[in-house]
Amino acid sequence: MTKEELKQRVLERIDARRDEIIAIGEQIFHNPELGFKEYKTARLVRDTFDSLGLAHEDGIALTGVKAEAKGGQSRARVLVMGELDAVVCPLHPCADLETGAAHSCGHNAQIASMLGAAMGLAPFMRELDGDAVFMAVPAEEYVELEYRERLRQDGKIEFFGGKQEFIRLGQLEGIDAGMMIHSHAGVTERKFLINCDSSGFLGKIVRYHGQEAHAGAEPFAGVNALNAAALSIMAINANRETFRDSDRIRVHPIITKGGDLVNIVPADVRMETYVRGRTIEAVVDASDKVDRALRAGAMAVGATLDIVQTPGYLPMLQDPELNRLFAENSEALLGEGANLYGYELMGATDAGDVSSVVPFMHISTGGYDGTAHSKDFTVCDKEMAYVMPARAMAMTVVDLLWDGARKARAIRADYTPRFTRESYVDFWRQYNKETH
């Protein structure tokens, strides 16, 4: 069998299960779960792996699932990854009424496409000279920071991102190349976005402590922690002109608790924020300015504060050869002009962390309408969102593991990792700190 014949057979197997792949994506879409809580989605992944005869490991970083399909030889290992979690978007029409979770970022399609690629590849792995590893990873969305801080204090996780935990736990050891897809909101056409970047960031949980008092009778006896928080936001805004345009710094705090009752001077006020940027060096510089502004708000009114800084995510390092192989396969499927290049994505993902330890490709895909993380986000082309990425990723895996897994091994040989597993963990631990 030639490589092209094998690709065709893999595609035929995916197409035969097209309706099942779409149904998986839709089932997840209508049952959104937040990070480190994705138990229903993880069960669906396990059941699908069972139906394919793939042995799997589950409970990784609480809800993650990993399966491995052995090749005729095991000369390389190629990873296909998808994300389990939803984001908080309570106004979305398909949001969970209790949690506000909604798949307004397209992770449901990632899982469907990852499983679709497994459906196509699993029956033919003996024709390949390496192994395919399929991972469903929790908690890409960096949300509910206080909840995750409790998980960390209980020893259940160390880092707030699922892929970060997979790295820490050694789940990416021995991987020679990896890939995943992500939705691109507002691109309704059948297009893939190739070689896009993403930012890095640090996270912060902030708590202001004031003094309660009756807001009508004795406001002079209190210390208004909400005023401290409001002043700190203004101080952050006053620093924005000091951020270099080339660093693309983004700071976007929210107040998650503004007090207890309207007639009590707020004494317990809580905030969360990211400090984003193109490089970790720029992020650290901006983070120091944000901390200074947070302290200034407290000092101005006589409040005190706690700042819990948490490791965020690293900027994306796209592997050019993986992107090239995927682009060739996507054009074979969709024709010339199927790929868009040069898009700058200022969002952040822990796929950036993966790309710092193994060669990695993070492709964005069309088939979506609306705005990311908003109530109008929706899949407008189910074939493009769920099935086409499965086809293109499966074809790319064949390329990588064909002929002694030559291309996968060459990509790994040409790659210089920024971190080992150990140095990665040590790097992020230095940014996990508390200020009181």
Protein backbone atom coordinates (compact mmCIF):
# COMPACT_ATOMS: atom_id res chain seq x y z
CA MET A 1 0.00 0.00 0.00
CA THR A 2 1.35 3.47 -0.86
CA LYS A 3 1.14 6.42 1.50
CA GLU A 4 -1.54 8.07 -0.63
CA GLU A 5 -3.59 4.86 -0.70
CA LEU A 6 -3.33 4.66 3.08
CA LYS A 7 -4.48 8.27 3.43
CA GLN A 8 -7.47 7.51 1.24
CA ARG A 9 -8.47 4.53 3.37
CA VAL A 10 -8.13 6.60 6.54
CA LEU A 11 -10.34 9.30 5.02
CA GLU A 12 -12.93 6.73 3.99
CA ARG A 13 -13.09 5.44 7.57
CA ILE A 14 -13.55 8.97 8.93
CA ASP A 15 -16.25 9.74 6.35
CA ALA A 16 -18.07 6.52 7.25
CA ARG A 17 -18.34 7.80 10.83
CA ARG A 18 -19.04 11.41 9.88
CA ASP A 19 -22.45 11.54 11.57
CA GLU A 20 -21.01 10.05 14.75
CA ILE A 21 -18.21 12.64 14.86
CA ILE A 22 -20.70 15.48 14.44
CA ALA A 23 -22.98 13.96 17.09
CA ILE A 24 -20.07 13.85 19.56
CA GLY A 25 -19.33 17.52 18.92
CA GLU A 26 -22.96 18.48 19.36
CA GLN A 27 -23.39 16.39 22.50
CA ILE A 28 -20.43 18.13 24.13
CA PHE A 29 -21.68 21.53 22.92
CA HIS A 30 -24.97 21.01 24.74
CA ASN A 31 -23.32 19.68 27.92
CA PRO A 32 -20.58 22.22 28.74
CA GLU A 33 -18.36 21.74 31.79
CA LEU A 34 -15.74 24.00 33.35
CA GLY A 35 -12.09 23.11 33.82
CA PHE A 36 -11.10 20.23 36.10
CA LYS A 37 -14.82 19.33 36.29
CA GLU A 38 -15.30 17.78 32.83
CA TYR A 39 -16.53 14.39 34.04
CA LYS A 40 -19.31 13.84 31.49
CA THR A 41 -17.10 14.83 28.59
CA ALA A 42 -14.26 12.63 29.81
CA ARG A 43 -16.67 9.70 30.05
CA LEU A 44 -17.72 10.24 26.44
CA VAL A 45 -14.05 10.21 25.39
CA ARG A 46 -13.39 6.99 27.31
CA ASP A 47 -16.43 5.31 25.78
CA THR A 48 -15.26 6.28 22.30
CA PHE A 49 -11.76 4.95 22.93
CA ASP A 50 -13.35 1.70 24.16
CA SER A 51 -15.38 1.45 20.94
CA LEU A 52 -12.12 1.75 18.96
CA GLY A 53 -10.37 -0.89 21.04
CA LEU A 54 -7.85 1.65 22.36
CA ALA A 55 -6.58 1.10 25.88
CA HIS A 56 -6.66 4.34 27.82
CA GLU A 57 -5.54 5.99 31.01
CA ASP A 58 -7.92 8.38 32.73
CA GLY A 59 -8.05 10.65 35.74
CA ILE A 60 -4.93 12.49 34.55
CA ALA A 61 -4.94 15.95 36.14
CA LEU A 62 -8.35 14.99 37.57
CA THR A 63 -10.30 14.54 34.31
CA GLY A 64 -7.80 14.04 31.47
CA VAL A 65 -7.80 10.93 29.26
CA LYS A 66 -5.00 9.47 27.11
CA ALA A 67 -5.04 6.56 24.63
CA GLU A 68 -2.26 5.17 22.48
CA ALA A 69 -2.54 3.37 19.13
CA LYS A 70 0.55 1.27 18.42
CA GLY A 71 2.08 1.25 14.96
CA GLY A 72 3.73 -1.62 13.14
CA GLN A 73 6.93 -0.22 14.60
CA SER A 74 7.34 2.30 17.42
CA ARG A 75 10.00 4.55 15.93
CA ALA A 76 8.23 7.79 16.87
CA ARG A 77 5.21 8.99 18.82
CA VAL A 78 2.86 11.64 17.43
CA LEU A 79 0.31 13.42 19.61
CA VAL A 80 -3.21 14.53 18.64
CA MET A 81 -4.74 16.66 21.37
CA GLY A 82 -8.12 18.17 22.24
CA GLU A 83 -9.46 20.24 25.14
CA LEU A 84 -12.33 19.15 27.35
CA ASP A 85 -13.50 22.35 29.00
CA ALA A 86 -15.89 25.19 28.31
CA VAL A 87 -15.70 28.86 29.27
CA VAL A 88 -18.05 30.90 31.46
CA CYS A 89 -20.62 32.63 29.25
CA PRO A 90 -23.99 32.54 31.07
CA LEU A 91 -25.87 34.48 28.35
CA HIS A 92 -25.09 31.90 25.68
CA PRO A 93 -28.30 30.09 24.64
CA CYS A 94 -26.69 26.70 25.34
CA ALA A 95 -25.07 27.71 28.64
CA ASP A 96 -25.43 25.46 31.66
CA LEU A 97 -28.09 27.10 33.82
CA GLU A 98 -26.27 26.35 37.08
CA THR A 99 -22.62 27.02 36.21
CA GLY A 100 -22.89 29.46 33.29
CA ALA A 101 -20.52 27.22 31.31
CA ALA A 102 -20.82 27.37 27.52
CA HIS A 103 -18.77 26.09 24.59
CA SER A 104 -18.36 29.55 23.14
CA CYS A 105 -14.74 28.81 22.26
CA GLY A 106 -15.14 25.59 20.27
CA HIS A 107 -13.43 23.04 22.49
CA ASN A 108 -16.26 20.63 21.79
CA ALA A 109 -15.06 20.55 18.18
CA GLN A 110 -11.52 19.83 19.31
CA ILE A 111 -12.61 16.67 21.09
CA ALA A 112 -14.80 15.59 18.18
CA SER A 113 -11.96 16.12 15.71
CA MET A 114 -9.39 14.37 17.90
CA LEU A 115 -11.71 11.38 18.23
CA GLY A 116 -12.49 11.53 14.51
CA ALA A 117 -8.77 11.31 13.71
CA ALA A 118 -8.53 8.31 16.04
CA MET A 119 -11.46 6.65 14.25
CA GLY A 120 -9.67 6.99 10.94
CA LEU A 121 -6.19 5.97 12.09
CA ALA A 122 -6.84 3.19 14.61
CA PRO A 123 -7.71 0.42 12.07
CA PHE A 124 -4.58 1.11 10.00
CA MET A 125 -1.85 1.75 12.55
CA ARG A 126 0.01 -1.45 11.61
CA GLU A 127 0.80 0.23 8.29
CA LEU A 128 2.73 2.98 10.08
CA ASP A 129 6.12 2.98 11.77
CA GLY A 130 5.21 4.89 14.87
CA ASP A 131 2.52 5.32 17.49
CA ALA A 132 -0.35 7.81 17.65
CA VAL A 133 -1.21 9.23 21.07
CA PHE A 134 -4.63 10.79 21.62
CA MET A 135 -5.13 13.13 24.57
CA ALA A 136 -8.22 14.84 25.95
CA VAL A 137 -6.89 17.52 28.28
CA PRO A 138 -8.80 19.50 30.94
CA ALA A 139 -8.84 23.16 31.86
CA GLU A 140 -7.41 25.22 29.02
CA GLU A 141 -9.59 28.20 29.90
CA TYR A 142 -7.85 30.03 32.75
CA VAL A 143 -10.95 30.80 34.80
CA GLU A 144 -12.36 30.27 38.30
CA LEU A 145 -8.97 31.10 39.76
CA GLU A 146 -10.07 30.92 43.41
CA TYR A 147 -11.48 27.43 42.80
CA ARG A 148 -8.23 26.30 41.21
CA GLU A 149 -6.25 27.86 44.03
CA ARG A 150 -8.22 25.64 46.42
CA LEU A 151 -7.39 22.60 44.29
CA ARG A 152 -3.74 23.62 44.47
CA GLN A 153 -3.84 24.06 48.23
CA ASP A 154 -5.44 20.61 48.54
CA GLY A 155 -2.58 19.11 46.53
CA LYS A 156 -4.81 18.02 43.63
CA ILE A 157 -3.05 20.21 41.06
CA GLU A 158 -0.03 22.50 41.03
CA PHE A 159 -0.68 24.55 37.90
CA PHE A 160 -3.98 26.00 36.73
CA GLY A 161 -3.79 24.76 33.10
CA GLY A 162 -4.47 21.16 32.12
CA LYS A 163 -1.59 20.90 29.66
CA GLN A 164 0.72 22.37 32.29
CA GLU A 165 -0.31 19.56 34.59
CA PHE A 166 0.23 17.00 31.80
CA ILE A 167 3.78 18.32 31.37
CA ARG A 168 4.42 18.23 35.12
CA LEU A 169 3.08 14.68 35.38
CA GLY A 170 5.32 13.46 32.54
CA GLN A 171 2.52 12.73 30.10
CA LEU A 172 4.40 14.39 27.21
CA GLU A 173 7.64 12.50 27.74
CA GLY A 174 8.67 10.64 24.57
CA ILE A 175 6.39 12.64 22.25
CA ASP A 176 8.20 13.51 19.00
CA ALA A 177 5.60 15.87 17.49
CA GLY A 178 2.11 17.07 18.37
CA MET A 179 -0.89 18.88 16.96
CA MET A 180 -4.34 20.24 17.72
CA ILE A 181 -6.94 22.51 16.16
CA HIS A 182 -8.87 25.46 17.55
CA SER A 183 -11.91 27.37 16.39
CA HIS A 184 -11.53 30.82 14.88
CA ALA A 185 -14.67 32.81 15.61
CA GLY A 186 -16.05 34.85 12.76
CA VAL A 187 -14.39 32.82 10.01
CA THR A 188 -17.43 31.21 8.44
CA GLU A 189 -15.59 29.98 5.32
CA ARG A 190 -13.88 26.63 4.93
CA LYS A 191 -10.42 27.93 5.80
CA PHE A 192 -7.55 26.86 8.02
CA LEU A 193 -5.38 29.50 9.73
CA ILE A 194 -1.77 28.39 9.61
CA ASN A 195 1.19 29.36 11.79
CA CYS A 196 -0.66 31.79 14.08
CA ASP A 197 0.88 33.08 17.30
CA SER A 198 -0.51 33.59 20.80
CA SER A 199 0.51 35.56 23.88
CA GLY A 200 1.84 34.54 27.26
CA PHE A 201 0.59 35.77 30.62
CA LEU A 202 0.65 35.65 34.40
CA GLY A 203 -2.52 35.36 36.49
CA LYS A 204 -3.39 37.24 39.67
CA ILE A 205 -5.97 36.74 42.40
CA VAL A 206 -6.37 39.93 44.48
CA ARG A 207 -8.25 40.42 47.74
CA TYR A 208 -8.72 43.79 49.41
CA HIS A 209 -9.44 43.94 53.15
CA GLY A 210 -11.22 46.96 54.55
CA GLN A 211 -13.38 47.66 57.60
CA GLU A 212 -17.13 47.08 57.71
CA ALA A 213 -19.42 49.85 58.90
CA HIS A 214 -23.00 50.95 58.34
CA ALA A 215 -22.92 52.68 54.95
CA GLY A 216 -25.61 55.22 55.95
CA ALA A 217 -25.07 55.81 59.65
CA GLU A 218 -21.27 55.48 60.06
CA PRO A 219 -19.40 55.32 56.73
CA PHE A 220 -16.59 57.31 58.39
CA ALA A 221 -15.96 54.31 60.69
CA GLY A 222 -15.25 51.99 57.76
CA VAL A 223 -12.49 51.39 55.24
CA ASN A 224 -13.95 50.92 51.78
CA ALA A 225 -12.18 48.05 50.05
CA LEU A 226 -14.22 48.61 46.88
CA ASN A 227 -12.77 52.11 46.58
CA ALA A 228 -9.31 50.58 46.95
CA ALA A 229 -10.03 48.20 44.08
CA ALA A 230 -11.50 50.96 41.91
CA LEU A 231 -8.46 53.17 42.48
CA SER A 232 -6.14 50.29 41.60
CA ILE A 233 -7.93 49.82 38.28
CA MET A 234 -7.49 53.50 37.54
CA ALA A 235 -3.81 53.23 38.48
CA ILE A 236 -3.40 50.29 36.11
CA ASN A 237 -5.00 52.37 33.36
CA ALA A 238 -2.57 55.20 34.09
CA ASN A 239 0.31 52.83 33.38
CA ARG A 240 -0.92 51.75 29.95
CA GLU A 241 1.06 54.44 28.12
CA THR A 242 4.23 52.86 29.53
CA PHE A 243 3.58 49.55 27.76
CA ARG A 244 5.48 49.23 24.48
CA ASP A 245 3.23 48.68 21.48
CA SER A 246 5.54 45.90 20.22
CA ASP A 247 5.05 43.94 23.47
CA ARG A 248 1.25 43.88 23.01
CA ILE A 249 0.59 44.04 26.75
CA ARG A 250 -3.01 43.40 27.82
CA VAL A 251 -4.29 43.81 31.39
CA HIS A 252 -8.00 43.18 31.97
CA PRO A 253 -9.07 42.92 35.63
CA ILE A 254 -12.53 41.98 36.82
CA ILE A 255 -14.09 42.37 40.26
CA THR A 256 -15.50 38.99 41.31
CA LYS A 257 -16.82 40.23 44.67
CA GLY A 258 -17.67 43.86 45.36
CA GLY A 259 -18.81 43.61 48.96
CA ASP A 260 -21.52 41.87 50.96
CA LEU A 261 -24.57 44.16 51.15
CA VAL A 262 -25.37 47.56 49.70
CA ASN A 263 -25.79 49.14 53.14
CA ILE A 264 -22.45 47.88 54.48
CA VAL A 265 -19.12 49.52 53.67
CA PRO A 266 -17.39 46.87 51.51
CA ALA A 267 -14.67 45.14 53.51
CA ASP A 268 -14.05 42.05 51.35
CA VAL A 269 -13.46 42.82 47.67
CA ARG A 270 -11.87 40.39 45.24
CA MET A 271 -10.41 40.75 41.76
CA GLU A 272 -8.86 38.54 39.11
CA THR A 273 -6.69 39.63 36.22
CA TYR A 274 -4.24 38.48 33.57
CA VAL A 275 -1.15 40.35 32.48
CA ARG A 276 -0.60 39.29 28.84
CA GLY A 277 2.15 39.98 26.35
CA ARG A 278 4.20 38.67 23.46
CA THR A 279 7.11 37.60 25.65
CA ILE A 280 7.40 36.46 29.23
CA GLU A 281 10.03 39.16 29.83
CA ALA A 282 7.55 41.88 28.83
CA VAL A 283 4.84 40.23 30.92
CA VAL A 284 7.04 40.22 34.03
CA ASP A 285 7.86 43.92 33.58
CA ALA A 286 4.19 44.83 33.19
CA SER A 287 3.26 42.56 36.09
CA ASP A 288 5.48 44.54 38.44
CA LYS A 289 3.69 47.75 37.39
CA VAL A 290 0.30 46.12 37.98
CA ASP A 291 1.34 45.01 41.46
CA ARG A 292 2.47 48.56 42.22
CA ALA A 293 -0.93 49.89 41.11
CA LEU A 294 -2.77 47.30 43.20
CA ARG A 295 -0.79 48.30 46.29
CA ALA A 296 -1.39 51.99 45.58
CA GLY A 297 -5.17 51.51 45.66
CA ALA A 298 -4.94 49.93 49.10
CA MET A 299 -2.60 52.60 50.46
CA ALA A 300 -4.83 55.42 49.25
CA VAL A 301 -7.74 54.44 51.50
CA GLY A 302 -5.96 52.54 54.26
CA ALA A 303 -6.95 49.04 53.17
CA THR A 304 -4.72 46.00 53.06
CA LEU A 305 -4.48 43.43 50.29
CA ASP A 306 -3.30 39.98 49.30
CA ILE A 307 -1.95 39.24 45.81
CA VAL A 308 -1.67 35.62 44.76
CA GLN A 309 0.30 35.46 41.52
CA THR A 310 -0.11 32.25 39.54
CA PRO A 311 1.83 30.86 36.57
CA GLY A 312 -0.02 31.63 33.35
CA TYR A 313 0.82 30.31 29.89
CA LEU A 314 3.78 30.66 27.54
CA PRO A 315 3.67 32.20 24.04
CA MET A 316 3.18 29.80 21.12
CA LEU A 317 6.17 28.40 19.23
CA GLN A 318 4.71 26.98 16.03
CA ASP A 319 6.77 24.26 14.33
CA PRO A 320 7.13 25.34 10.67
CA GLU A 321 7.47 21.84 9.21
CA LEU A 322 4.37 20.56 11.00
CA ASN A 323 2.45 23.58 9.73
CA ARG A 324 3.73 22.97 6.20
CA LEU A 325 2.63 19.32 6.21
CA PHE A 326 -0.81 20.24 7.54
CA ALA A 327 -1.15 23.02 4.96
CA GLU A 328 -0.41 20.58 2.12
CA ASN A 329 -3.05 18.18 3.39
CA SER A 330 -5.66 20.88 3.92
CA GLU A 331 -5.16 22.10 0.36
CA ALA A 332 -5.51 18.52 -0.87
CA LEU A 333 -8.88 18.44 0.89
CA LEU A 334 -10.20 21.95 0.23
CA GLY A 335 -8.24 23.13 -2.79
CA GLU A 336 -5.80 25.94 -3.40
CA GLY A 337 -6.41 28.95 -1.17
CA ALA A 338 -7.70 26.85 1.71
CA ASN A 339 -5.12 28.31 4.11
CA LEU A 340 -4.80 31.77 5.64
CA TYR A 341 -1.45 32.96 6.98
CA GLY A 342 -0.12 35.67 9.24
CA TYR A 343 -3.01 36.07 11.66
CA GLU A 344 -1.94 37.52 15.01
CA LEU A 345 -3.92 35.95 17.84
CA MET A 346 -3.52 37.80 21.14
CA GLY A 347 -5.37 35.13 23.05
CA ALA A 348 -3.34 32.74 25.19
CA THR A 349 -3.33 28.96 25.45
CA ASP A 350 -1.38 26.37 27.40
CA ALA A 351 -0.65 24.82 24.02
CA GLY A 352 2.11 27.44 24.09
CA ASP A 353 3.59 25.57 27.04
CA VAL A 354 3.43 22.30 25.11
CA SER A 355 5.25 23.95 22.21
CA SER A 356 8.11 24.82 24.56
CA VAL A 357 8.80 21.17 25.38
CA VAL A 358 7.89 19.29 22.15
CA PRO A 359 7.50 20.28 18.47
CA PHE A 360 3.90 21.41 18.17
CA MET A 361 1.34 22.79 15.74
CA HIS A 362 -1.77 24.73 16.79
CA ILE A 363 -4.08 25.26 13.80
CA SER A 364 -7.16 27.48 13.80
CA THR A 365 -10.15 26.55 11.67
CA GLY A 366 -13.16 28.25 10.15
CA GLY A 367 -16.75 27.10 10.24
CA TYR A 368 -17.75 29.41 13.10
CA ASP A 369 -19.87 32.52 13.37
CA GLY A 370 -20.07 35.13 16.10
CA THR A 371 -17.45 36.32 18.58
CA ALA A 372 -15.25 34.13 20.77
CA HIS A 373 -16.37 33.79 24.40
CA SER A 374 -19.65 35.55 23.67
CA LYS A 375 -23.33 34.66 23.56
CA ASP A 376 -23.46 34.67 19.74
CA PHE A 377 -20.64 32.18 19.15
CA THR A 378 -21.87 29.20 17.16
CA VAL A 379 -20.87 26.46 14.74
CA CYS A 380 -22.19 27.44 11.30
CA ASP A 381 -20.53 24.62 9.29
CA LYS A 382 -20.51 21.32 11.19
CA GLU A 383 -18.57 19.54 8.47
CA MET A 384 -15.79 22.12 8.67
CA ALA A 385 -15.76 22.41 12.46
CA TYR A 386 -15.87 18.73 13.36
CA VAL A 387 -14.93 16.52 10.41
CA MET A 388 -12.50 18.41 8.20
CA PRO A 389 -9.90 18.94 10.97
CA ALA A 390 -10.09 15.22 11.79
CA ARG A 391 -9.35 14.42 8.17
CA ALA A 392 -6.45 16.88 7.86
CA MET A 393 -4.86 15.86 11.17
CA ALA A 394 -5.13 12.15 10.35
CA MET A 395 -3.45 12.73 6.98
CA THR A 396 -0.67 14.65 8.71
CA VAL A 397 -0.13 11.80 11.18
CA VAL A 398 0.26 9.43 8.22
CA ASP A 399 2.90 11.73 6.74
CA LEU A 400 4.78 11.85 10.02
CA LEU A 401 4.77 8.11 10.72
CA TRP A 402 5.29 6.81 7.16
CA ASP A 403 8.61 5.38 5.93
CA GLY A 404 10.18 4.62 9.28
CA ALA A 405 8.52 7.67 10.84
CA ARG A 406 11.20 9.64 9.02
CA LYS A 407 9.48 13.03 9.11
CA ALA A 408 8.50 12.82 12.77
CA ARG A 409 12.04 11.87 13.74
CA ALA A 410 13.52 14.63 11.58
CA ILE A 411 11.23 17.25 13.15
CA ARG A 412 12.25 16.12 16.63
CA ALA A 413 15.95 16.15 15.67
CA ASP A 414 15.69 19.73 14.37
CA TYR A 415 13.81 20.98 17.43
CA THR A 416 15.54 22.66 20.37
CA PRO A 417 13.21 22.56 23.37
CA ARG A 418 13.04 25.65 25.53
CA PHE A 419 12.53 23.46 28.58
CA THR A 420 12.86 19.94 29.84
CA ARG A 421 10.04 18.69 32.04
CA GLU A 422 12.09 19.50 35.14
CA SER A 423 13.26 22.96 34.05
CA TYR A 424 9.72 23.81 32.92
CA VAL A 425 8.31 23.09 36.38
CA ASP A 426 11.16 25.02 38.03
CA PHE A 427 10.61 27.98 35.70
CA TRP A 428 6.94 28.40 36.55
CA ARG A 429 7.40 27.80 40.28
CA GLN A 430 9.40 31.02 40.57
CA TYR A 431 6.29 32.97 39.48
CA ASN A 432 3.95 31.23 41.91
CA LYS A 433 4.07 33.64 44.84
CA GLU A 434 1.95 35.49 47.37
CA THR A 435 2.22 39.08 48.53
CA HIS A 436 0.45 40.30 51.66
